[in-house]
């Protein structure tokens, strides 16, 4: 028997003798611990193990909230606190003092999806356009009531009568509109079948430009005048030009329900008012036209002056 075993037996004997004379209340477990300590040299002797599975500093036997996330602040019962009530516990919450009801991410920081400075959960107007001025509730303002929010509106203070574009600026009237305003007359080279009053489809784009103006300007009274070149008999040309003017009026009223047919009159001028020489094909083509002449400019008065921009709801 080696020296270590001899010493171990001696120590065991001493321990057993001590246990025999110990207080009767000494548990068997304590005797076992004494024997283990005696038979195992340090550092292998028995030590009492304290379990803290979730690592929050509170032993499992006392921890009323096992499974607490690492890093969380806990009370004496091992339960985490959440001072701002956002669902992310203190110690892990990177944004403490988040306002109540604010939506937060996994770090406890509030979100602001529309970037208007009012956090989600408190924002009563989500999806506000970037750059818009908002109130404390996250709702944008529109001081000039044009449908484009302050902060985005590049033309603030626009009068309510004007239609505006996506930037909040008044929409200028069309070129055809401008011709009516400046010259009180618009001339369109409407093409027809030879010697007939049937409008060719190639002319419809230009007629639509006139139709859009008249549909937006219901008070305007306009004469539709038909014109021809000098080829053919004068009487025939007078009759043909009147039929062509009537055909244009019918086209406009059938394509634009807002045009009041009673405000459109027709007249055939035949070859009496040429704008170019009838000696060349190019000149005759210019003379074959339809004119639209504003008849009540004086009556419209201020309405003409303010027609530089398109009116709202027109």
C-alpha atoms as a PDB file:
ATOM      1  CA  UNK A   1       0.000   0.000   0.000  1.00  0.00           C
ATOM      2  CA  UNK A   2       1.485   3.330  -1.042  1.00  0.00           C
ATOM      3  CA  UNK A   3       1.933   6.353   1.165  1.00  0.00           C
ATOM      4  CA  UNK A   4      -1.081   8.268  -0.223  1.00  0.00           C
ATOM      5  CA  UNK A   5      -3.482   5.397   0.485  1.00  0.00           C
ATOM      6  CA  UNK A   6      -2.121   5.031   4.026  1.00  0.00           C
ATOM      7  CA  UNK A   7      -2.735   8.706   4.695  1.00  0.00           C
ATOM      8  CA  UNK A   8      -6.202   8.527   3.248  1.00  0.00           C
ATOM      9  CA  UNK A   9      -7.172   5.661   5.581  1.00  0.00           C
ATOM     10  CA  UNK A  10      -5.930   7.574   8.577  1.00  0.00           C
ATOM     11  CA  UNK A  11      -7.897  10.645   7.587  1.00  0.00           C
ATOM     12  CA  UNK A  12     -11.029   8.579   6.971  1.00  0.00           C
ATOM     13  CA  UNK A  13     -10.727   7.070  10.402  1.00  0.00           C
ATOM     14  CA  UNK A  14     -10.447  10.467  11.986  1.00  0.00           C
ATOM     15  CA  UNK A  15     -13.435  11.742  10.046  1.00  0.00           C
ATOM     16  CA  UNK A  16     -15.554   8.730  10.975  1.00  0.00           C
ATOM     17  CA  UNK A  17     -14.635   9.100  14.667  1.00  0.00           C
ATOM     18  CA  UNK A  18     -15.523  12.791  14.491  1.00  0.00           C
ATOM     19  CA  UNK A  19     -18.842  12.010  12.855  1.00  0.00           C
ATOM     20  CA  UNK A  20     -19.611   9.379  15.485  1.00  0.00           C
ATOM     21  CA  UNK A  21     -19.233  11.874  18.323  1.00  0.00           C
ATOM     22  CA  UNK A  22     -20.878  14.738  16.498  1.00  0.00           C
ATOM     23  CA  UNK A  23     -24.238  16.224  17.421  1.00  0.00           C
ATOM     24  CA  UNK A  24     -27.100  13.873  16.539  1.00  0.00           C
ATOM     25  CA  UNK A  25     -28.575  16.598  14.308  1.00  0.00           C
ATOM     26  CA  UNK A  26     -25.640  16.349  11.896  1.00  0.00           C
ATOM     27  CA  UNK A  27     -26.941  15.006   8.585  1.00  0.00           C
ATOM     28  CA  UNK A  28     -25.604  12.086   6.662  1.00  0.00           C
ATOM     29  CA  UNK A  29     -24.943  14.491   3.830  1.00  0.00           C
ATOM     30  CA  UNK A  30     -22.514  16.509   5.978  1.00  0.00           C
ATOM     31  CA  UNK A  31     -20.608  13.338   6.918  1.00  0.00           C
ATOM     32  CA  UNK A  32     -20.387  12.446   3.248  1.00  0.00           C
ATOM     33  CA  UNK A  33     -18.978  15.857   2.520  1.00  0.00           C
ATOM     34  CA  UNK A  34     -16.373  15.477   5.276  1.00  0.00           C
ATOM     35  CA  UNK A  35     -15.258  12.108   3.884  1.00  0.00           C
ATOM     36  CA  UNK A  36     -15.126  13.514   0.354  1.00  0.00           C
ATOM     37  CA  UNK A  37     -13.036  16.479   1.465  1.00  0.00           C
ATOM     38  CA  UNK A  38     -10.710  14.153   3.364  1.00  0.00           C
ATOM     39  CA  UNK A  39     -10.195  11.751   0.471  1.00  0.00           C
ATOM     40  CA  UNK A  40      -9.785  14.337  -2.305  1.00  0.00           C
ATOM     41  CA  UNK A  41      -6.850  16.713  -2.196  1.00  0.00           C
ATOM     42  CA  UNK A  42      -7.504  20.345  -3.300  1.00  0.00           C
ATOM     43  CA  UNK A  43      -8.665  21.351  -5.897  1.00  0.00           C
ATOM     44  CA  UNK A  44     -10.682  18.131  -6.278  1.00  0.00           C
ATOM     45  CA  UNK A  45     -12.443  18.233  -2.959  1.00  0.00           C
ATOM     46  CA  UNK A  46     -16.224  18.824  -2.764  1.00  0.00           C
ATOM     47  CA  UNK A  47     -17.550  22.419  -3.171  1.00  0.00           C
ATOM     48  CA  UNK A  48     -21.175  23.595  -2.977  1.00  0.00           C
ATOM     49  CA  UNK A  49     -22.490  24.463  -6.501  1.00  0.00           C
ATOM     50  CA  UNK A  50     -24.881  27.482  -6.841  1.00  0.00           C
ATOM     51  CA  UNK A  51     -26.990  27.383 -10.051  1.00  0.00           C
ATOM     52  CA  UNK A  52     -27.976  30.584 -11.953  1.00  0.00           C
ATOM     53  CA  UNK A  53     -29.116  29.297 -15.334  1.00  0.00           C
ATOM     54  CA  UNK A  54     -30.078  32.639 -16.888  1.00  0.00           C
ATOM     55  CA  UNK A  55     -27.037  34.456 -15.506  1.00  0.00           C
ATOM     56  CA  UNK A  56     -29.004  37.325 -13.952  1.00  0.00           C
ATOM     57  CA  UNK A  57     -27.333  37.109 -10.535  1.00  0.00           C
ATOM     58  CA  UNK A  58     -30.318  35.461  -8.845  1.00  0.00           C
ATOM     59  CA  UNK A  59     -30.002  31.734  -8.030  1.00  0.00           C
ATOM     60  CA  UNK A  60     -32.446  29.401  -9.674  1.00  0.00           C
ATOM     61  CA  UNK A  61     -34.012  28.526  -6.342  1.00  0.00           C
ATOM     62  CA  UNK A  62     -34.956  32.191  -5.773  1.00  0.00           C
ATOM     63  CA  UNK A  63     -35.476  33.280  -9.402  1.00  0.00           C
ATOM     64  CA  UNK A  64     -39.191  33.873 -10.072  1.00  0.00           C
ATOM     65  CA  UNK A  65     -38.509  34.813 -13.690  1.00  0.00           C
ATOM     66  CA  UNK A  66     -36.237  32.117 -15.139  1.00  0.00           C
ATOM     67  CA  UNK A  67     -35.093  32.591 -18.707  1.00  0.00           C
ATOM     68  CA  UNK A  68     -34.478  36.337 -18.382  1.00  0.00           C
ATOM     69  CA  UNK A  69     -32.479  37.620 -21.411  1.00  0.00           C
ATOM     70  CA  UNK A  70     -28.791  38.170 -20.733  1.00  0.00           C
ATOM     71  CA  UNK A  71     -28.007  41.798 -19.918  1.00  0.00           C
ATOM     72  CA  UNK A  72     -31.476  42.612 -18.584  1.00  0.00           C
ATOM     73  CA  UNK A  73     -31.831  44.568 -15.349  1.00  0.00           C
ATOM     74  CA  UNK A  74     -33.670  42.471 -12.709  1.00  0.00           C
ATOM     75  CA  UNK A  75     -35.109  42.947  -9.214  1.00  0.00           C
ATOM     76  CA  UNK A  76     -34.439  40.780  -6.140  1.00  0.00           C
ATOM     77  CA  UNK A  77     -36.769  38.150  -7.554  1.00  0.00           C
ATOM     78  CA  UNK A  78     -34.885  37.910 -10.829  1.00  0.00           C
ATOM     79  CA  UNK A  79     -37.653  39.628 -12.803  1.00  0.00           C
ATOM     80  CA  UNK A  80     -36.752  42.238 -15.444  1.00  0.00           C
ATOM     81  CA  UNK A  81     -38.099  45.789 -15.449  1.00  0.00           C
ATOM     82  CA  UNK A  82     -39.355  47.856 -18.401  1.00  0.00           C
ATOM     83  CA  UNK A  83     -39.441  51.490 -17.279  1.00  0.00           C
ATOM     84  CA  UNK A  84     -40.827  52.945 -20.523  1.00  0.00           C
ATOM     85  CA  UNK A  85     -43.274  50.079 -21.109  1.00  0.00           C
ATOM     86  CA  UNK A  86     -42.230  49.512 -24.717  1.00  0.00           C
ATOM     87  CA  UNK A  87     -41.849  45.744 -24.431  1.00  0.00           C
ATOM     88  CA  UNK A  88     -38.033  45.784 -24.413  1.00  0.00           C
ATOM     89  CA  UNK A  89     -36.624  45.266 -20.926  1.00  0.00           C
ATOM     90  CA  UNK A  90     -34.230  47.657 -19.182  1.00  0.00           C
ATOM     91  CA  UNK A  91     -30.578  46.858 -19.652  1.00  0.00           C
ATOM     92  CA  UNK A  92     -31.251  45.725 -23.229  1.00  0.00           C
ATOM     93  CA  UNK A  93     -33.335  48.776 -24.224  1.00  0.00           C
ATOM     94  CA  UNK A  94     -31.018  51.117 -26.180  1.00  0.00           C
ATOM     95  CA  UNK A  95     -33.636  53.859 -26.179  1.00  0.00           C
ATOM     96  CA  UNK A  96     -34.984  54.216 -22.641  1.00  0.00           C
ATOM     97  CA  UNK A  97     -37.761  56.739 -22.005  1.00  0.00           C
ATOM     98  CA  UNK A  98     -39.497  55.963 -25.328  1.00  0.00           C
ATOM     99  CA  UNK A  99     -42.924  57.716 -25.402  1.00  0.00           C
ATOM    100  CA  UNK A 100     -45.871  55.508 -24.466  1.00  0.00           C
ATOM    101  CA  UNK A 101     -47.585  53.715 -27.406  1.00  0.00           C
ATOM    102  CA  UNK A 102     -44.647  54.294 -29.737  1.00  0.00           C
ATOM    103  CA  UNK A 103     -43.803  51.335 -31.983  1.00  0.00           C
ATOM    104  CA  UNK A 104     -40.221  50.157 -31.358  1.00  0.00           C
ATOM    105  CA  UNK A 105     -37.710  47.797 -32.925  1.00  0.00           C
ATOM    106  CA  UNK A 106     -35.987  44.866 -31.199  1.00  0.00           C
ATOM    107  CA  UNK A 107     -33.563  47.288 -29.518  1.00  0.00           C
ATOM    108  CA  UNK A 108     -36.376  49.340 -27.977  1.00  0.00           C
ATOM    109  CA  UNK A 109     -35.868  52.281 -30.315  1.00  0.00           C
ATOM    110  CA  UNK A 110     -38.915  53.982 -31.911  1.00  0.00           C
ATOM    111  CA  UNK A 111     -39.566  53.734 -35.660  1.00  0.00           C
ATOM    112  CA  UNK A 112     -40.545  56.587 -37.976  1.00  0.00           C
ATOM    113  CA  UNK A 113     -41.490  54.996 -41.291  1.00  0.00           C
ATOM    114  CA  UNK A 114     -42.399  58.206 -43.124  1.00  0.00           C
ATOM    115  CA  UNK A 115     -39.475  60.184 -41.634  1.00  0.00           C
ATOM    116  CA  UNK A 116     -41.656  63.095 -40.567  1.00  0.00           C
ATOM    117  CA  UNK A 117     -40.262  63.323 -37.034  1.00  0.00           C
ATOM    118  CA  UNK A 118     -43.317  61.741 -35.374  1.00  0.00           C
ATOM    119  CA  UNK A 119     -42.733  58.106 -34.423  1.00  0.00           C
ATOM    120  CA  UNK A 120     -44.926  55.220 -35.521  1.00  0.00           C
ATOM    121  CA  UNK A 121     -47.683  54.445 -33.069  1.00  0.00           C
ATOM    122  CA  UNK A 122     -48.112  58.152 -32.307  1.00  0.00           C
ATOM    123  CA  UNK A 123     -48.269  59.262 -35.966  1.00  0.00           C
ATOM    124  CA  UNK A 124     -51.937  59.747 -36.888  1.00  0.00           C
ATOM    125  CA  UNK A 125     -51.036  60.338 -40.547  1.00  0.00           C
ATOM    126  CA  UNK A 126     -48.577  57.608 -41.606  1.00  0.00           C
ATOM    127  CA  UNK A 127     -47.080  57.697 -45.100  1.00  0.00           C
ATOM    128  CA  UNK A 128     -46.800  61.500 -45.163  1.00  0.00           C
ATOM    129  CA  UNK A 129     -44.736  62.570 -48.224  1.00  0.00           C
ATOM    130  CA  UNK A 130     -41.080  63.291 -47.488  1.00  0.00           C
ATOM    131  CA  UNK A 131     -40.440  66.968 -46.775  1.00  0.00           C
ATOM    132  CA  UNK A 132     -44.019  67.814 -45.774  1.00  0.00           C
ATOM    133  CA  UNK A 133     -44.542  70.015 -42.728  1.00  0.00           C
ATOM    134  CA  UNK A 134     -46.463  68.140 -40.018  1.00  0.00           C
ATOM    135  CA  UNK A 135     -48.060  68.916 -36.653  1.00  0.00           C
ATOM    136  CA  UNK A 136     -47.491  67.115 -33.352  1.00  0.00           C
ATOM    137  CA  UNK A 137     -49.739  64.282 -34.522  1.00  0.00           C
ATOM    138  CA  UNK A 138     -47.691  63.745 -37.677  1.00  0.00           C
ATOM    139  CA  UNK A 139     -50.378  65.211 -39.967  1.00  0.00           C
ATOM    140  CA  UNK A 140     -49.348  67.552 -42.814  1.00  0.00           C
ATOM    141  CA  UNK A 141     -50.712  71.070 -43.287  1.00  0.00           C
ATOM    142  CA  UNK A 142     -51.878  72.714 -46.512  1.00  0.00           C
ATOM    143  CA  UNK A 143     -52.132  76.452 -45.923  1.00  0.00           C
ATOM    144  CA  UNK A 144     -53.328  77.429 -49.397  1.00  0.00           C
ATOM    145  CA  UNK A 145     -55.702  74.459 -49.667  1.00  0.00           C
ATOM    146  CA  UNK A 146     -54.433  73.444 -53.099  1.00  0.00           C
ATOM    147  CA  UNK A 147     -53.952  69.770 -52.293  1.00  0.00           C
ATOM    148  CA  UNK A 148     -50.138  69.979 -52.082  1.00  0.00           C
ATOM    149  CA  UNK A 149     -48.759  69.918 -48.535  1.00  0.00           C
ATOM    150  CA  UNK A 150     -46.680  72.701 -46.987  1.00  0.00           C
ATOM    151  CA  UNK A 151     -42.991  71.931 -47.191  1.00  0.00           C
ATOM    152  CA  UNK A 152     -43.521  70.194 -50.532  1.00  0.00           C
ATOM    153  CA  UNK A 153     -45.527  73.045 -52.113  1.00  0.00           C
ATOM    154  CA  UNK A 154     -43.139  75.071 -54.299  1.00  0.00           C
ATOM    155  CA  UNK A 155     -45.744  77.777 -54.850  1.00  0.00           C
ATOM    156  CA  UNK A 156     -47.227  78.522 -51.416  1.00  0.00           C
ATOM    157  CA  UNK A 157     -50.031  81.043 -51.244  1.00  0.00           C
ATOM    158  CA  UNK A 158     -51.613  79.999 -54.554  1.00  0.00           C
ATOM    159  CA  UNK A 159     -55.142  81.387 -54.927  1.00  0.00           C
ATOM    160  CA  UNK A 160     -57.808  78.758 -54.454  1.00  0.00           C
ATOM    161  CA  UNK A 161     -59.303  79.318 -57.913  1.00  0.00           C
ATOM    162  CA  UNK A 162     -56.270  77.916 -59.746  1.00  0.00           C
ATOM    163  CA  UNK A 163     -55.601  74.318 -60.605  1.00  0.00           C
ATOM    164  CA  UNK A 164     -52.088  73.275 -59.596  1.00  0.00           C
ATOM    165  CA  UNK A 165     -49.542  70.675 -60.644  1.00  0.00           C
ATOM    166  CA  UNK A 166     -47.806  68.142 -58.396  1.00  0.00           C
ATOM    167  CA  UNK A 167     -45.471  70.908 -57.135  1.00  0.00           C
ATOM    168  CA  UNK A 168     -48.361  73.109 -56.059  1.00  0.00           C
ATOM    169  CA  UNK A 169     -47.847  75.641 -58.853  1.00  0.00           C
ATOM    170  CA  UNK A 170     -50.656  77.013 -61.087  1.00  0.00           C
ATOM    171  CA  UNK A 171     -51.082  75.192 -64.392  1.00  0.00           C
ATOM    172  CA  UNK A 172     -50.662  77.510 -67.388  1.00  0.00           C
ATOM    173  CA  UNK A 173     -53.353  77.336 -70.035  1.00  0.00           C
ATOM    174  CA  UNK A 174     -52.546  75.534 -73.283  1.00  0.00           C
ATOM    175  CA  UNK A 175     -51.057  77.212 -76.344  1.00  0.00           C
ATOM    176  CA  UNK A 176     -54.456  77.091 -78.031  1.00  0.00           C
ATOM    177  CA  UNK A 177     -55.991  78.723 -74.980  1.00  0.00           C
ATOM    178  CA  UNK A 178     -53.350  81.434 -75.157  1.00  0.00           C
ATOM    179  CA  UNK A 179     -54.199  82.123 -78.813  1.00  0.00           C
ATOM    180  CA  UNK A 180     -57.831  82.678 -77.852  1.00  0.00           C
ATOM    181  CA  UNK A 181     -56.764  85.064 -75.098  1.00  0.00           C
ATOM    182  CA  UNK A 182     -54.286  87.037 -77.207  1.00  0.00           C
ATOM    183  CA  UNK A 183     -55.870  87.102 -80.676  1.00  0.00           C
ATOM    184  CA  UNK A 184     -59.457  86.155 -79.815  1.00  0.00           C
ATOM    185  CA  UNK A 185     -59.248  83.744 -82.753  1.00  0.00           C
ATOM    186  CA  UNK A 186     -57.753  80.342 -83.553  1.00  0.00           C
ATOM    187  CA  UNK A 187     -57.247  78.915 -87.021  1.00  0.00           C
ATOM    188  CA  UNK A 188     -57.031  75.167 -87.652  1.00  0.00           C
ATOM    189  CA  UNK A 189     -56.262  73.503 -90.978  1.00  0.00           C
ATOM    190  CA  UNK A 190     -58.949  70.845 -90.810  1.00  0.00           C
ATOM    191  CA  UNK A 191     -58.646  68.322 -93.620  1.00  0.00           C
ATOM    192  CA  UNK A 192     -61.721  66.954 -95.392  1.00  0.00           C
ATOM    193  CA  UNK A 193     -62.376  64.564 -98.235  1.00  0.00           C
ATOM    194  CA  UNK A 194     -62.108  66.481-101.503  1.00  0.00           C
ATOM    195  CA  UNK A 195     -65.332  68.464-102.137  1.00  0.00           C
ATOM    196  CA  UNK A 196     -66.983  66.952 -99.037  1.00  0.00           C
ATOM    197  CA  UNK A 197     -67.628  67.828 -95.390  1.00  0.00           C
ATOM    198  CA  UNK A 198     -66.280  64.541 -93.944  1.00  0.00           C
ATOM    199  CA  UNK A 199     -63.475  65.321 -91.411  1.00  0.00           C
ATOM    200  CA  UNK A 200     -60.326  63.226 -91.884  1.00  0.00           C
ATOM    201  CA  UNK A 201     -58.893  61.565 -88.774  1.00  0.00           C
ATOM    202  CA  UNK A 202     -55.535  63.342 -89.192  1.00  0.00           C
ATOM    203  CA  UNK A 203     -57.245  66.590 -88.115  1.00  0.00           C
ATOM    204  CA  UNK A 204     -58.702  65.242 -84.862  1.00  0.00           C
ATOM    205  CA  UNK A 205     -55.613  65.984 -82.731  1.00  0.00           C
ATOM    206  CA  UNK A 206     -55.886  69.717 -83.498  1.00  0.00           C
ATOM    207  CA  UNK A 207     -59.639  69.686 -82.965  1.00  0.00           C
ATOM    208  CA  UNK A 208     -59.131  68.095 -79.540  1.00  0.00           C
ATOM    209  CA  UNK A 209     -56.961  71.076 -78.542  1.00  0.00           C
ATOM    210  CA  UNK A 210     -59.846  73.419 -79.373  1.00  0.00           C
ATOM    211  CA  UNK A 211     -62.373  71.116 -77.712  1.00  0.00           C
ATOM    212  CA  UNK A 212     -60.436  71.079 -74.434  1.00  0.00           C
ATOM    213  CA  UNK A 213     -60.433  74.884 -74.346  1.00  0.00           C
ATOM    214  CA  UNK A 214     -64.144  75.255 -75.065  1.00  0.00           C
ATOM    215  CA  UNK A 215     -65.038  72.529 -72.555  1.00  0.00           C
ATOM    216  CA  UNK A 216     -63.136  74.451 -69.849  1.00  0.00           C
ATOM    217  CA  UNK A 217     -64.673  77.783 -70.897  1.00  0.00           C
ATOM    218  CA  UNK A 218     -68.448  77.238 -70.977  1.00  0.00           C
ATOM    219  CA  UNK A 219     -69.322  80.957 -71.088  1.00  0.00           C
ATOM    220  CA  UNK A 220     -67.341  81.580 -74.262  1.00  0.00           C
ATOM    221  CA  UNK A 221     -69.392  82.178 -77.411  1.00  0.00           C
ATOM    222  CA  UNK A 222     -67.464  81.158 -80.505  1.00  0.00           C
ATOM    223  CA  UNK A 223     -68.118  81.384 -84.231  1.00  0.00           C
ATOM    224  CA  UNK A 224     -66.949  78.356 -86.219  1.00  0.00           C
ATOM    225  CA  UNK A 225     -66.056  79.642 -89.684  1.00  0.00           C
ATOM    226  CA  UNK A 226     -65.426  77.472 -92.753  1.00  0.00           C
ATOM    227  CA  UNK A 227     -63.000  78.605 -95.502  1.00  0.00           C
ATOM    228  CA  UNK A 228     -62.006  77.185 -98.909  1.00  0.00           C
ATOM    229  CA  UNK A 229     -59.479  77.939-101.611  1.00  0.00           C
ATOM    230  CA  UNK A 230     -60.500  79.547-104.896  1.00  0.00           C
ATOM    231  CA  UNK A 231     -60.858  76.350-106.871  1.00  0.00           C
ATOM    232  CA  UNK A 232     -64.444  75.605-107.892  1.00  0.00           C
ATOM    233  CA  UNK A 233     -67.460  77.884-108.241  1.00  0.00           C
ATOM    234  CA  UNK A 234     -67.952  80.577-105.612  1.00  0.00           C
ATOM    235  CA  UNK A 235     -71.510  79.464-104.758  1.00  0.00           C
ATOM    236  CA  UNK A 236     -70.367  75.867-104.330  1.00  0.00           C
ATOM    237  CA  UNK A 237     -67.497  76.975-102.082  1.00  0.00           C
ATOM    238  CA  UNK A 238     -69.812  79.059 -99.910  1.00  0.00           C
ATOM    239  CA  UNK A 239     -72.141  76.120 -99.387  1.00  0.00           C
ATOM    240  CA  UNK A 240     -69.272  73.673 -98.826  1.00  0.00           C
ATOM    241  CA  UNK A 241     -67.561  75.907 -96.282  1.00  0.00           C
ATOM    242  CA  UNK A 242     -70.788  76.227 -94.269  1.00  0.00           C
ATOM    243  CA  UNK A 243     -71.267  72.435 -94.267  1.00  0.00           C
ATOM    244  CA  UNK A 244     -67.701  71.976 -93.082  1.00  0.00           C
ATOM    245  CA  UNK A 245     -68.210  74.466 -90.246  1.00  0.00           C
ATOM    246  CA  UNK A 246     -71.359  72.576 -89.226  1.00  0.00           C
ATOM    247  CA  UNK A 247     -69.417  69.293 -89.319  1.00  0.00           C
ATOM    248  CA  UNK A 248     -66.754  70.712 -86.988  1.00  0.00           C
ATOM    249  CA  UNK A 249     -69.370  71.984 -84.535  1.00  0.00           C
ATOM    250  CA  UNK A 250     -71.054  68.564 -84.511  1.00  0.00           C
ATOM    251  CA  UNK A 251     -67.690  66.856 -83.902  1.00  0.00           C
ATOM    252  CA  UNK A 252     -66.906  69.134 -80.943  1.00  0.00           C
ATOM    253  CA  UNK A 253     -70.275  68.753 -79.214  1.00  0.00           C
ATOM    254  CA  UNK A 254     -70.289  64.980 -79.696  1.00  0.00           C
ATOM    255  CA  UNK A 255     -66.779  64.580 -78.272  1.00  0.00           C
ATOM    256  CA  UNK A 256     -67.079  67.093 -75.400  1.00  0.00           C
ATOM    257  CA  UNK A 257     -70.244  66.951 -73.336  1.00  0.00           C
ATOM    258  CA  UNK A 258     -69.341  70.156 -71.476  1.00  0.00           C
ATOM    259  CA  UNK A 259     -69.509  72.237 -74.654  1.00  0.00           C
ATOM    260  CA  UNK A 260     -72.809  74.051 -74.974  1.00  0.00           C
ATOM    261  CA  UNK A 261     -73.825  73.819 -78.625  1.00  0.00           C
ATOM    262  CA  UNK A 262     -75.928  76.968 -78.259  1.00  0.00           C
ATOM    263  CA  UNK A 263     -72.722  78.928 -77.696  1.00  0.00           C
ATOM    264  CA  UNK A 264     -71.291  77.777 -81.046  1.00  0.00           C
ATOM    265  CA  UNK A 265     -72.470  79.430 -84.245  1.00  0.00           C
ATOM    266  CA  UNK A 266     -71.354  78.481 -87.770  1.00  0.00           C
ATOM    267  CA  UNK A 267     -70.702  80.475 -90.914  1.00  0.00           C
ATOM    268  CA  UNK A 268     -69.392  79.659 -94.383  1.00  0.00           C
ATOM    269  CA  UNK A 269     -66.967  82.207 -95.867  1.00  0.00           C
ATOM    270  CA  UNK A 270     -66.098  80.255 -99.002  1.00  0.00           C
ATOM    271  CA  UNK A 271     -63.032  81.714-100.715  1.00  0.00           C
ATOM    272  CA  UNK A 272     -63.635  85.293 -99.542  1.00  0.00           C
ATOM    273  CA  UNK A 273     -60.972  85.494 -96.823  1.00  0.00           C
ATOM    274  CA  UNK A 274     -57.752  83.929 -98.097  1.00  0.00           C
ATOM    275  CA  UNK A 275     -54.665  84.020 -95.855  1.00  0.00           C
ATOM    276  CA  UNK A 276     -52.269  82.955 -98.592  1.00  0.00           C
ATOM    277  CA  UNK A 277     -51.998  82.971-102.407  1.00  0.00           C
ATOM    278  CA  UNK A 278     -54.333  80.640-104.266  1.00  0.00           C
ATOM    279  CA  UNK A 279     -51.764  80.377-107.049  1.00  0.00           C
ATOM    280  CA  UNK A 280     -49.731  77.646-105.311  1.00  0.00           C
ATOM    281  CA  UNK A 281     -50.663  74.289-103.746  1.00  0.00           C
ATOM    282  CA  UNK A 282     -49.128  75.397-100.453  1.00  0.00           C
ATOM    283  CA  UNK A 283     -51.137  78.620-100.413  1.00  0.00           C
ATOM    284  CA  UNK A 284     -54.400  76.869-101.244  1.00  0.00           C
ATOM    285  CA  UNK A 285     -53.783  74.381 -98.431  1.00  0.00           C
ATOM    286  CA  UNK A 286     -53.501  77.271 -95.963  1.00  0.00           C
ATOM    287  CA  UNK A 287     -56.733  78.770 -97.233  1.00  0.00           C
ATOM    288  CA  UNK A 288     -58.660  75.535 -96.620  1.00  0.00           C
ATOM    289  CA  UNK A 289     -59.198  75.975 -92.907  1.00  0.00           C
ATOM    290  CA  UNK A 290     -61.649  76.371 -90.046  1.00  0.00           C
ATOM    291  CA  UNK A 291     -61.481  79.379 -87.723  1.00  0.00           C
ATOM    292  CA  UNK A 292     -62.743  79.737 -84.155  1.00  0.00           C
ATOM    293  CA  UNK A 293     -63.465  83.343 -83.216  1.00  0.00           C
ATOM    294  CA  UNK A 294     -64.379  84.527 -79.714  1.00  0.00           C
ATOM    295  CA  UNK A 295     -67.501  86.693 -79.994  1.00  0.00           C
ATOM    296  CA  UNK A 296     -68.122  87.832 -76.422  1.00  0.00           C
ATOM    297  CA  UNK A 297     -64.680  88.991 -75.246  1.00  0.00           C
ATOM    298  CA  UNK A 298     -66.126  92.178 -73.755  1.00  0.00           C
ATOM    299  CA  UNK A 299     -68.794  90.241 -71.886  1.00  0.00           C
ATOM    300  CA  UNK A 300     -66.238  87.846 -70.421  1.00  0.00           C
ATOM    301  CA  UNK A 301     -64.087  90.774 -69.299  1.00  0.00           C
ATOM    302  CA  UNK A 302     -62.077  89.813 -66.222  1.00  0.00           C
ATOM    303  CA  UNK A 303     -62.506  86.122 -66.981  1.00  0.00           C
ATOM    304  CA  UNK A 304     -60.243  86.606 -70.001  1.00  0.00           C
ATOM    305  CA  UNK A 305     -57.630  88.435 -67.941  1.00  0.00           C
ATOM    306  CA  UNK A 306     -57.447  85.621 -65.397  1.00  0.00           C
ATOM    307  CA  UNK A 307     -57.417  82.777 -67.901  1.00  0.00           C
ATOM    308  CA  UNK A 308     -53.616  82.673 -67.958  1.00  0.00           C
ATOM    309  CA  UNK A 309     -53.918  79.743 -65.612  1.00  0.00           C
ATOM    310  CA  UNK A 310     -56.223  76.778 -65.606  1.00  0.00           C
ATOM    311  CA  UNK A 311     -59.027  77.072 -63.062  1.00  0.00           C
ATOM    312  CA  UNK A 312     -59.629  74.403 -60.440  1.00  0.00           C
ATOM    313  CA  UNK A 313     -62.111  71.696 -61.383  1.00  0.00           C
ATOM    314  CA  UNK A 314     -62.067  72.759 -65.025  1.00  0.00           C
END
